N, C-alpha and C. Protein backbone atom coordinates (compact mmCIF):
# COMPACT_ATOMS: atom_id res chain seq x y z
N ILE A 1 210.18 27.18 2.60
CA ILE A 1 209.57 27.12 3.53
C ILE A 1 209.60 28.88 4.04
N ALA A 2 210.30 29.51 4.23
CA ALA A 2 210.22 30.61 3.81
C ALA A 2 209.82 31.30 2.72
N THR A 3 209.78 30.85 1.38
CA THR A 3 209.07 31.52 0.20
C THR A 3 207.71 30.96 0.42
N GLU A 4 207.43 29.84 0.61
CA GLU A 4 205.92 29.41 1.23
C GLU A 4 205.02 30.60 2.18
N ALA A 5 206.00 30.71 2.86
CA ALA A 5 205.67 31.93 4.09
C ALA A 5 205.47 33.30 2.89
N ASP A 6 206.51 33.91 2.07
CA ASP A 6 206.59 35.16 1.56
C ASP A 6 204.89 35.46 0.92
N GLU A 7 204.81 33.57 0.44
CA GLU A 7 204.01 34.11 -0.72
C GLU A 7 202.12 34.00 0.08
N LEU A 8 202.30 33.02 1.61
CA LEU A 8 200.83 33.28 1.78
C LEU A 8 200.58 35.00 2.84
N GLU A 9 202.03 35.55 3.15
CA GLU A 9 201.66 37.19 3.06
C GLU A 9 201.58 38.22 2.03
N GLN A 10 201.90 37.76 1.21
CA GLN A 10 201.82 38.55 -0.53
C GLN A 10 200.92 38.45 -1.39
N VAL A 11 200.03 37.35 -1.84
CA VAL A 11 199.30 36.49 -3.01
C VAL A 11 198.23 35.70 -1.44
N PRO A 12 197.88 35.94 -0.83
CA PRO A 12 197.26 34.99 0.27
C PRO A 12 195.59 34.26 -0.34
N GLU A 13 195.39 34.93 -1.46
CA GLU A 13 193.89 34.62 -2.17
C GLU A 13 194.76 32.71 -2.76
N GLU A 14 195.47 33.64 -3.73
CA GLU A 14 196.61 32.53 -4.71
C GLU A 14 197.06 31.60 -3.47
N GLU A 15 197.27 31.53 -2.20
CA GLU A 15 197.86 30.31 -0.85
C GLU A 15 196.11 29.51 -0.68
N LYS A 16 195.13 30.43 -0.55
CA LYS A 16 193.90 30.30 -0.35
C LYS A 16 193.41 28.76 -1.45
N GLU A 17 193.53 29.78 -2.92
CA GLU A 17 193.29 28.85 -3.89
C GLU A 17 193.81 27.33 -4.15
N GLU A 18 195.27 27.63 -3.77
CA GLU A 18 196.38 26.22 -3.78
C GLU A 18 195.86 24.98 -2.72
N LEU A 19 195.04 26.07 -1.43
CA LEU A 19 194.82 24.50 -0.44
C LEU A 19 193.64 24.45 -0.79
N SER A 20 192.72 25.41 -1.64
CA SER A 20 191.21 24.20 -2.18
C SER A 20 191.37 23.21 -2.85
N LEU A 21 192.46 23.57 -4.33
CA LEU A 21 192.33 22.65 -5.10
C LEU A 21 193.36 21.23 -4.56
N ILE A 22 194.49 21.39 -3.61
CA ILE A 22 195.16 20.51 -2.76
C ILE A 22 193.96 19.43 -2.50
N TYR A 23 192.86 20.23 -1.50
CA TYR A 23 192.06 19.40 -0.86
C TYR A 23 190.91 18.79 -1.38
N GLN A 24 190.84 19.10 -2.79
CA GLN A 24 189.75 18.40 -3.93
C GLN A 24 190.51 17.30 -4.97
N ALA A 25 191.41 17.54 -4.66
CA ALA A 25 192.69 16.41 -5.35
C ALA A 25 192.64 15.05 -4.59
N LYS A 26 192.12 15.42 -2.75
CA LYS A 26 192.26 14.62 -2.09
C LYS A 26 190.47 13.80 -2.29
N GLY A 27 190.07 14.77 -2.76
CA GLY A 27 188.21 14.11 -2.65
C GLY A 27 187.27 14.77 -2.52
N LEU A 28 187.76 16.15 -1.87
CA LEU A 28 187.16 16.45 -1.02
C LEU A 28 185.96 17.16 -2.54
N PRO A 29 184.66 17.60 -1.97
CA PRO A 29 183.60 18.57 -2.85
C PRO A 29 184.69 19.67 -2.67
N GLU A 30 183.86 20.36 -3.86
CA GLU A 30 184.53 21.41 -4.06
C GLU A 30 184.70 22.58 -2.64
N ASP A 31 183.01 22.65 -2.87
CA ASP A 31 182.74 23.67 -1.66
C ASP A 31 182.54 23.39 -0.57
N LEU A 32 183.25 22.03 -0.10
CA LEU A 32 183.64 21.81 1.07
C LEU A 32 185.32 22.48 1.29
N ALA A 33 186.09 22.30 0.06
CA ALA A 33 187.61 21.75 -0.19
C ALA A 33 188.01 23.55 0.10
N LYS A 34 186.59 24.52 -0.45
CA LYS A 34 186.50 25.98 -0.73
C LYS A 34 186.93 26.61 1.03
N SER A 35 185.62 25.81 1.88
CA SER A 35 184.79 26.27 2.66
C SER A 35 186.41 25.80 3.83
N LEU A 36 186.88 24.69 3.56
CA LEU A 36 188.15 24.92 4.50
C LEU A 36 188.93 25.44 4.45
N ALA A 37 189.64 25.70 3.13
CA ALA A 37 190.56 26.54 3.14
C ALA A 37 190.78 27.65 3.52
N ASP A 38 189.08 28.51 3.42
CA ASP A 38 188.86 29.99 4.24
C ASP A 38 189.11 29.53 5.18
N GLN A 39 188.91 28.63 5.80
CA GLN A 39 188.82 28.65 7.56
C GLN A 39 190.57 28.72 7.89
N LEU A 40 191.33 27.79 7.39
CA LEU A 40 192.48 27.56 7.25
C LEU A 40 193.70 28.84 7.12
N ILE A 41 192.88 29.80 6.41
CA ILE A 41 194.02 30.83 5.68
C ILE A 41 193.86 31.91 7.15
N THR A 42 192.74 31.68 7.35
CA THR A 42 192.43 33.04 8.69
C THR A 42 193.43 32.39 9.92
N ASN A 43 194.52 31.85 9.73
CA ASN A 43 195.90 31.48 10.98
C ASN A 43 196.51 31.15 10.09
N LYS A 44 197.21 32.51 9.93
CA LYS A 44 198.79 32.18 8.89
C LYS A 44 199.71 31.21 9.49
N LYS A 45 199.84 30.88 10.70
CA LYS A 45 200.66 29.75 10.85
C LYS A 45 199.83 28.55 10.56
N THR A 46 199.00 28.17 11.22
CA THR A 46 197.89 26.81 10.69
C THR A 46 198.28 26.87 9.44
N ALA A 47 197.69 27.46 8.25
CA ALA A 47 197.99 28.14 6.86
C ALA A 47 199.15 27.12 6.09
N LEU A 48 200.04 28.04 6.75
CA LEU A 48 201.91 27.66 6.12
C LEU A 48 201.59 26.73 6.36
N ASP A 49 201.93 26.31 7.67
CA ASP A 49 202.05 24.58 8.31
C ASP A 49 201.51 23.28 7.17
N THR A 50 199.60 23.96 7.09
CA THR A 50 199.05 22.88 6.22
C THR A 50 199.87 23.06 4.91
N LEU A 51 200.10 24.13 3.91
CA LEU A 51 200.58 24.20 2.78
C LEU A 51 202.02 24.01 2.86
N VAL A 52 202.81 23.79 4.02
CA VAL A 52 204.18 23.14 3.34
C VAL A 52 203.87 21.40 3.85
N ARG A 53 203.45 20.82 4.56
CA ARG A 53 203.29 19.52 4.42
C ARG A 53 202.48 19.42 3.55
N GLU A 54 201.40 19.63 2.91
CA GLU A 54 200.20 18.74 1.55
C GLU A 54 201.41 19.13 0.88
N GLU A 55 201.46 20.93 0.53
CA GLU A 55 201.97 21.46 -1.14
C GLU A 55 203.64 20.62 -1.30
N LEU A 56 204.30 20.92 0.10
CA LEU A 56 206.07 20.53 -0.28
C LEU A 56 206.44 18.94 0.12
N GLY A 57 205.25 18.21 0.78
CA GLY A 57 205.44 17.45 1.49
C GLY A 57 206.71 16.96 2.34
N ILE A 58 207.06 18.45 3.22
CA ILE A 58 207.50 18.22 4.38
C ILE A 58 207.01 18.81 5.95
N ASP A 59 207.38 17.61 6.70
CA ASP A 59 206.82 18.07 7.83
C ASP A 59 207.38 19.15 8.88
N PRO A 60 207.37 19.99 8.75
CA PRO A 60 208.13 21.14 9.88
C PRO A 60 208.81 20.52 10.94
N GLU A 61 208.28 19.58 11.38
CA GLU A 61 208.56 19.08 13.00
C GLU A 61 209.69 18.39 13.10
N GLU A 62 210.19 17.47 11.35
CA GLU A 62 211.14 16.95 11.48
C GLU A 62 212.28 17.62 10.89
N LEU A 63 212.19 18.73 10.50
CA LEU A 63 213.38 19.83 10.21
C LEU A 63 214.08 20.36 11.23
N GLY A 64 214.92 19.38 12.24
CA GLY A 64 215.40 19.92 13.13
C GLY A 64 216.99 19.94 12.71
N GLY A 65 218.08 19.59 13.70
CA GLY A 65 219.16 19.61 13.43
C GLY A 65 220.02 21.11 13.63
N SER A 66 221.22 21.15 13.61
CA SER A 66 222.07 22.15 13.06
C SER A 66 222.99 21.80 12.25
N ALA A 67 223.38 23.54 11.69
CA ALA A 67 224.42 23.46 10.32
C ALA A 67 225.49 22.99 10.98
N TRP A 68 226.19 23.68 12.04
CA TRP A 68 227.38 22.91 12.60
C TRP A 68 227.24 21.61 12.69
N ALA A 69 226.54 21.44 13.32
CA ALA A 69 226.47 19.82 13.64
C ALA A 69 226.42 18.79 12.55
N ALA A 70 225.64 19.27 11.05
CA ALA A 70 225.92 18.91 9.99
C ALA A 70 227.28 18.52 9.74
N ALA A 71 227.91 20.10 9.26
CA ALA A 71 228.91 19.89 9.16
C ALA A 71 230.27 19.54 10.17
N GLY A 72 229.95 19.37 11.21
CA GLY A 72 231.20 18.73 11.84
C GLY A 72 230.78 16.94 11.99
N SER A 73 229.60 16.79 11.39
CA SER A 73 229.38 14.71 11.33
C SER A 73 230.00 15.06 10.20
N SER A 74 229.80 15.34 9.26
CA SER A 74 230.22 15.51 8.04
C SER A 74 231.15 15.30 7.62
N PHE A 75 232.65 16.52 8.42
CA PHE A 75 233.44 16.29 8.68
C PHE A 75 234.49 14.86 9.19
N LEU A 76 233.88 14.75 10.61
CA LEU A 76 234.74 13.54 10.74
C LEU A 76 234.19 12.25 9.74
N LEU A 77 233.00 12.05 9.07
CA LEU A 77 232.86 10.98 8.12
C LEU A 77 233.82 11.15 7.30
N PHE A 78 234.43 11.81 6.52
CA PHE A 78 235.11 12.36 5.29
C PHE A 78 236.48 11.85 5.73
N ALA A 79 236.34 12.62 7.25
CA ALA A 79 238.09 12.49 7.48
C ALA A 79 238.15 10.32 8.06
N VAL A 80 237.36 9.46 8.74
CA VAL A 80 237.02 8.09 8.61
C VAL A 80 237.18 7.42 7.35
N GLY A 81 236.37 8.30 6.66
CA GLY A 81 236.38 7.48 5.25
C GLY A 81 237.85 7.26 4.45
N ALA A 82 239.03 8.78 4.76
CA ALA A 82 239.93 8.96 4.12
C ALA A 82 241.32 7.59 4.77
N ILE A 83 240.88 7.41 5.95
CA ILE A 83 241.59 6.43 7.02
C ILE A 83 242.02 5.53 5.96
N PHE A 84 241.10 4.54 4.97
CA PHE A 84 241.38 3.72 4.20
C PHE A 84 242.26 3.34 3.06
N PRO A 85 242.12 4.68 2.41
CA PRO A 85 243.03 4.82 1.34
C PRO A 85 244.69 5.14 1.89
N VAL A 86 244.29 5.77 2.52
CA VAL A 86 245.64 6.27 3.41
C VAL A 86 246.37 5.61 4.15
N ALA A 87 245.59 4.64 5.00
CA ALA A 87 246.34 4.02 5.87
C ALA A 87 247.61 2.67 5.37
N PRO A 88 247.50 2.03 4.02
CA PRO A 88 248.66 1.32 3.64
C PRO A 88 249.84 2.00 3.44
N TYR A 89 249.98 3.81 3.67
CA TYR A 89 250.93 4.08 2.90
C TYR A 89 252.03 4.04 4.61
N PHE A 90 251.13 4.49 5.45
CA PHE A 90 252.26 4.33 6.53
C PHE A 90 253.17 3.19 6.71
N ALA A 91 252.83 2.32 6.03
CA ALA A 91 253.41 0.78 6.14
C ALA A 91 254.59 0.21 4.53
N LEU A 92 253.15 1.07 3.63
CA LEU A 92 253.98 0.25 2.51
C LEU A 92 254.37 1.63 1.78
N ALA A 93 254.87 1.13 0.67
CA ALA A 93 255.24 2.19 -0.78
C ALA A 93 255.40 1.80 -1.98
N GLY A 94 255.20 2.59 -2.45
CA GLY A 94 255.48 2.31 -4.65
C GLY A 94 254.24 1.55 -4.71
N MET A 95 254.34 0.82 -5.28
CA MET A 95 253.12 -0.13 -6.02
C MET A 95 252.67 -1.18 -5.17
N PRO A 96 253.20 -2.05 -4.42
CA PRO A 96 252.84 -2.64 -2.99
C PRO A 96 251.55 -1.62 -2.05
N ALA A 97 251.79 -0.30 -1.69
CA ALA A 97 251.10 0.39 -1.18
C ALA A 97 249.69 0.98 -2.06
N ILE A 98 249.94 1.32 -3.47
CA ILE A 98 248.59 1.56 -4.26
C ILE A 98 247.82 0.13 -4.41
N ILE A 99 248.40 -0.70 -4.84
CA ILE A 99 247.53 -1.73 -4.36
C ILE A 99 246.84 -2.35 -3.52
N ALA A 100 247.85 -2.23 -1.77
CA ALA A 100 246.74 -2.18 -0.51
C ALA A 100 245.66 -1.00 -0.62
N SER A 101 245.93 0.29 -0.92
CA SER A 101 245.09 0.93 -0.99
C SER A 101 244.38 1.01 -1.65
N LEU A 102 244.02 0.32 -2.47
CA LEU A 102 243.01 -0.16 -3.47
C LEU A 102 241.78 -1.23 -3.10
N ALA A 103 242.86 -2.17 -2.28
CA ALA A 103 242.15 -3.41 -1.87
C ALA A 103 241.73 -2.72 -0.47
N ALA A 104 241.93 -2.06 0.50
CA ALA A 104 241.18 -1.40 1.60
C ALA A 104 240.42 -0.11 1.14
N SER A 105 240.06 0.30 0.11
CA SER A 105 239.11 0.77 -0.52
C SER A 105 237.75 0.32 -1.01
N GLY A 106 238.51 -0.53 -2.03
CA GLY A 106 237.27 -1.36 -2.09
C GLY A 106 236.64 -2.20 -1.07
N ILE A 107 236.68 -2.65 -0.01
CA ILE A 107 236.59 -3.29 1.22
C ILE A 107 235.78 -2.59 1.65
N ALA A 108 236.17 -0.98 1.94
CA ALA A 108 235.44 -0.17 2.63
C ALA A 108 234.23 0.02 1.83
N LEU A 109 234.35 0.33 0.50
CA LEU A 109 233.18 0.87 -0.41
C LEU A 109 232.22 -0.10 -0.47
N PHE A 110 232.27 -1.20 -0.33
CA PHE A 110 231.31 -2.74 -0.82
C PHE A 110 230.64 -2.84 0.65
N LEU A 111 231.72 -2.93 2.10
CA LEU A 111 230.87 -2.91 3.22
C LEU A 111 230.02 -1.60 3.56
N ILE A 112 230.37 -0.53 3.22
CA ILE A 112 229.29 1.12 2.79
C ILE A 112 228.30 0.62 1.86
N GLY A 113 227.94 0.43 1.04
CA GLY A 113 227.26 -0.30 -0.32
C GLY A 113 226.41 -1.37 0.87
N ALA A 114 227.05 -2.24 1.07
CA ALA A 114 225.54 -3.79 1.58
C ALA A 114 225.52 -3.03 2.73
N GLY A 115 226.15 -2.42 3.68
CA GLY A 115 225.14 -1.66 4.75
C GLY A 115 223.71 -0.73 4.71
N THR A 116 223.99 -0.25 3.11
CA THR A 116 222.93 0.44 2.93
C THR A 116 221.85 -0.39 3.17
N THR A 117 221.95 -1.32 2.92
CA THR A 117 220.71 -2.37 2.76
C THR A 117 219.37 -2.74 3.61
N LEU A 118 220.30 -1.81 5.18
CA LEU A 118 219.52 -1.14 6.13
C LEU A 118 218.57 -0.54 5.81
N PHE A 119 218.66 0.35 4.70
CA PHE A 119 217.51 1.54 4.84
C PHE A 119 217.30 1.16 3.56
N THR A 120 217.46 0.58 2.62
CA THR A 120 217.00 0.67 1.18
C THR A 120 216.06 -0.81 0.96
N GLY A 121 216.66 -1.95 1.69
CA GLY A 121 216.14 -3.17 1.63
C GLY A 121 215.99 -3.90 0.28
N ARG A 122 217.13 -3.14 -0.54
CA ARG A 122 217.81 -4.28 -1.40
C ARG A 122 218.40 -4.98 -1.52
N GLY A 123 219.18 -6.14 -2.20
CA GLY A 123 220.22 -7.13 -2.15
C GLY A 123 221.63 -6.22 -1.62
N VAL A 124 222.55 -7.27 -1.11
CA VAL A 124 223.84 -6.77 -0.38
C VAL A 124 224.26 -6.68 -1.10
N LEU A 125 224.41 -7.31 -2.24
CA LEU A 125 225.37 -8.19 -3.23
C LEU A 125 225.38 -6.86 -4.20
N VAL A 126 223.71 -6.20 -4.69
CA VAL A 126 223.92 -5.35 -5.58
C VAL A 126 224.46 -4.08 -5.40
N SER A 127 223.83 -3.75 -3.85
CA SER A 127 224.14 -2.40 -2.96
C SER A 127 225.73 -2.52 -2.87
N GLY A 128 226.43 -3.36 -2.42
CA GLY A 128 227.62 -3.73 -2.22
C GLY A 128 228.74 -3.10 -3.57
N VAL A 129 228.45 -3.83 -4.61
CA VAL A 129 228.89 -3.45 -5.91
C VAL A 129 228.89 -2.24 -6.53
N ARG A 130 227.71 -2.01 -6.48
CA ARG A 130 226.92 -0.38 -6.71
C ARG A 130 228.06 0.54 -6.28
N GLN A 131 228.09 0.32 -4.64
CA GLN A 131 229.14 1.32 -4.33
C GLN A 131 230.43 1.30 -4.44
N LEU A 132 230.70 -0.06 -4.39
CA LEU A 132 232.46 -0.64 -5.22
C LEU A 132 232.55 0.51 -6.72
N LEU A 133 231.45 0.32 -7.39
CA LEU A 133 231.49 1.01 -8.93
C LEU A 133 231.69 1.94 -8.62
N VAL A 134 230.58 2.90 -8.54
CA VAL A 134 230.66 4.34 -8.42
C VAL A 134 232.09 5.01 -7.41
N GLY A 135 232.38 4.36 -6.29
CA GLY A 135 233.32 4.88 -5.66
C GLY A 135 234.63 4.92 -6.67
N PHE A 136 234.94 3.43 -7.39
CA PHE A 136 236.12 3.11 -8.24
C PHE A 136 235.90 4.60 -9.54
N ALA A 137 234.82 4.48 -9.77
CA ALA A 137 234.47 5.56 -10.62
C ALA A 137 235.18 6.91 -10.90
N ALA A 138 234.88 7.91 -9.25
CA ALA A 138 235.13 8.70 -9.18
C ALA A 138 236.73 8.70 -8.27
N ALA A 139 236.85 7.69 -7.81
CA ALA A 139 238.45 7.55 -8.22
C ALA A 139 239.62 7.49 -9.19
N ALA A 140 238.97 6.96 -10.62
CA ALA A 140 239.58 7.09 -11.70
C ALA A 140 239.08 8.58 -11.86
N VAL A 141 238.50 9.44 -12.23
CA VAL A 141 238.28 10.50 -12.68
C VAL A 141 239.05 11.38 -11.77
N THR A 142 239.44 11.25 -10.70
CA THR A 142 239.90 11.62 -9.85
C THR A 142 241.62 11.37 -10.09
N PHE A 143 241.97 10.74 -10.39
CA PHE A 143 243.06 10.21 -11.03
C PHE A 143 243.48 10.66 -12.27
N ALA A 144 242.30 10.61 -12.92
CA ALA A 144 242.44 11.26 -14.89
C ALA A 144 242.76 12.74 -14.71
N VAL A 145 242.26 13.19 -13.81
CA VAL A 145 242.19 14.99 -13.69
C VAL A 145 243.68 15.19 -12.51
N GLY A 146 244.07 14.31 -12.23
CA GLY A 146 245.63 14.29 -11.72
C GLY A 146 246.57 14.33 -12.59
N LYS A 147 246.32 13.58 -13.38
CA LYS A 147 247.40 12.67 -14.64
C LYS A 147 246.73 14.71 -15.74
N LEU A 148 245.76 14.74 -15.89
CA LEU A 148 245.60 15.75 -16.35
C LEU A 148 246.59 17.07 -16.34
N ILE A 149 246.59 17.60 -15.06
CA ILE A 149 247.43 18.86 -15.01
C ILE A 149 248.64 18.51 -13.83
N GLY A 150 248.78 17.35 -14.16
CA GLY A 150 250.26 17.17 -14.10
C GLY A 150 250.80 16.26 -12.62
N VAL A 151 250.31 16.18 -12.22
CA VAL A 151 250.18 15.67 -10.60
C VAL A 151 250.36 13.80 -10.09
N ALA A 152 251.84 13.76 -9.94
CA ALA A 152 252.29 12.21 -9.89
C ALA A 152 251.67 11.48 -8.71
N VAL A 153 251.22 10.53 -8.19
CA VAL A 153 250.33 10.29 -7.45
C VAL A 153 251.44 8.69 -6.84
N THR A 154 252.13 8.01 -7.69
CA THR A 154 253.14 7.52 -6.62
C THR A 154 254.24 7.41 -6.04
N GLY A 155 254.15 6.95 -5.62
CA GLY A 155 255.54 7.31 -3.73
C GLY A 155 256.71 6.13 -4.66
């Protein structure tokens, strides 16, 4: 959005042309699109709002939030997610802990994937298995990197 605002200040004629082309692409005749662009460009705030919505596909009113809130929620979710593979190690050791950790992680990954169907509309099984495979692939890569640098995982 900041880049679009800078362009509006530095090259308003190009931005006006972009507005005109956007409305022509939506089916307005060229003369009407140019007239509309001329009117919009006179008010920088309206022009920026229109360019951001039409060119970038962003609704500025939906851009709320705080970087601190995003960081905090990310930390909390990672911490909660870390409980599943770590919890078995509080009660078990060695291979039983590894197996229990893999099982707990697999169940959690599958349930998270299945839960995404509320937002995606895809099948529960497909989404669950997809998340399970992606999660275990990430774990395998992490394990391989650990092996390469000589980090022991077993207890």
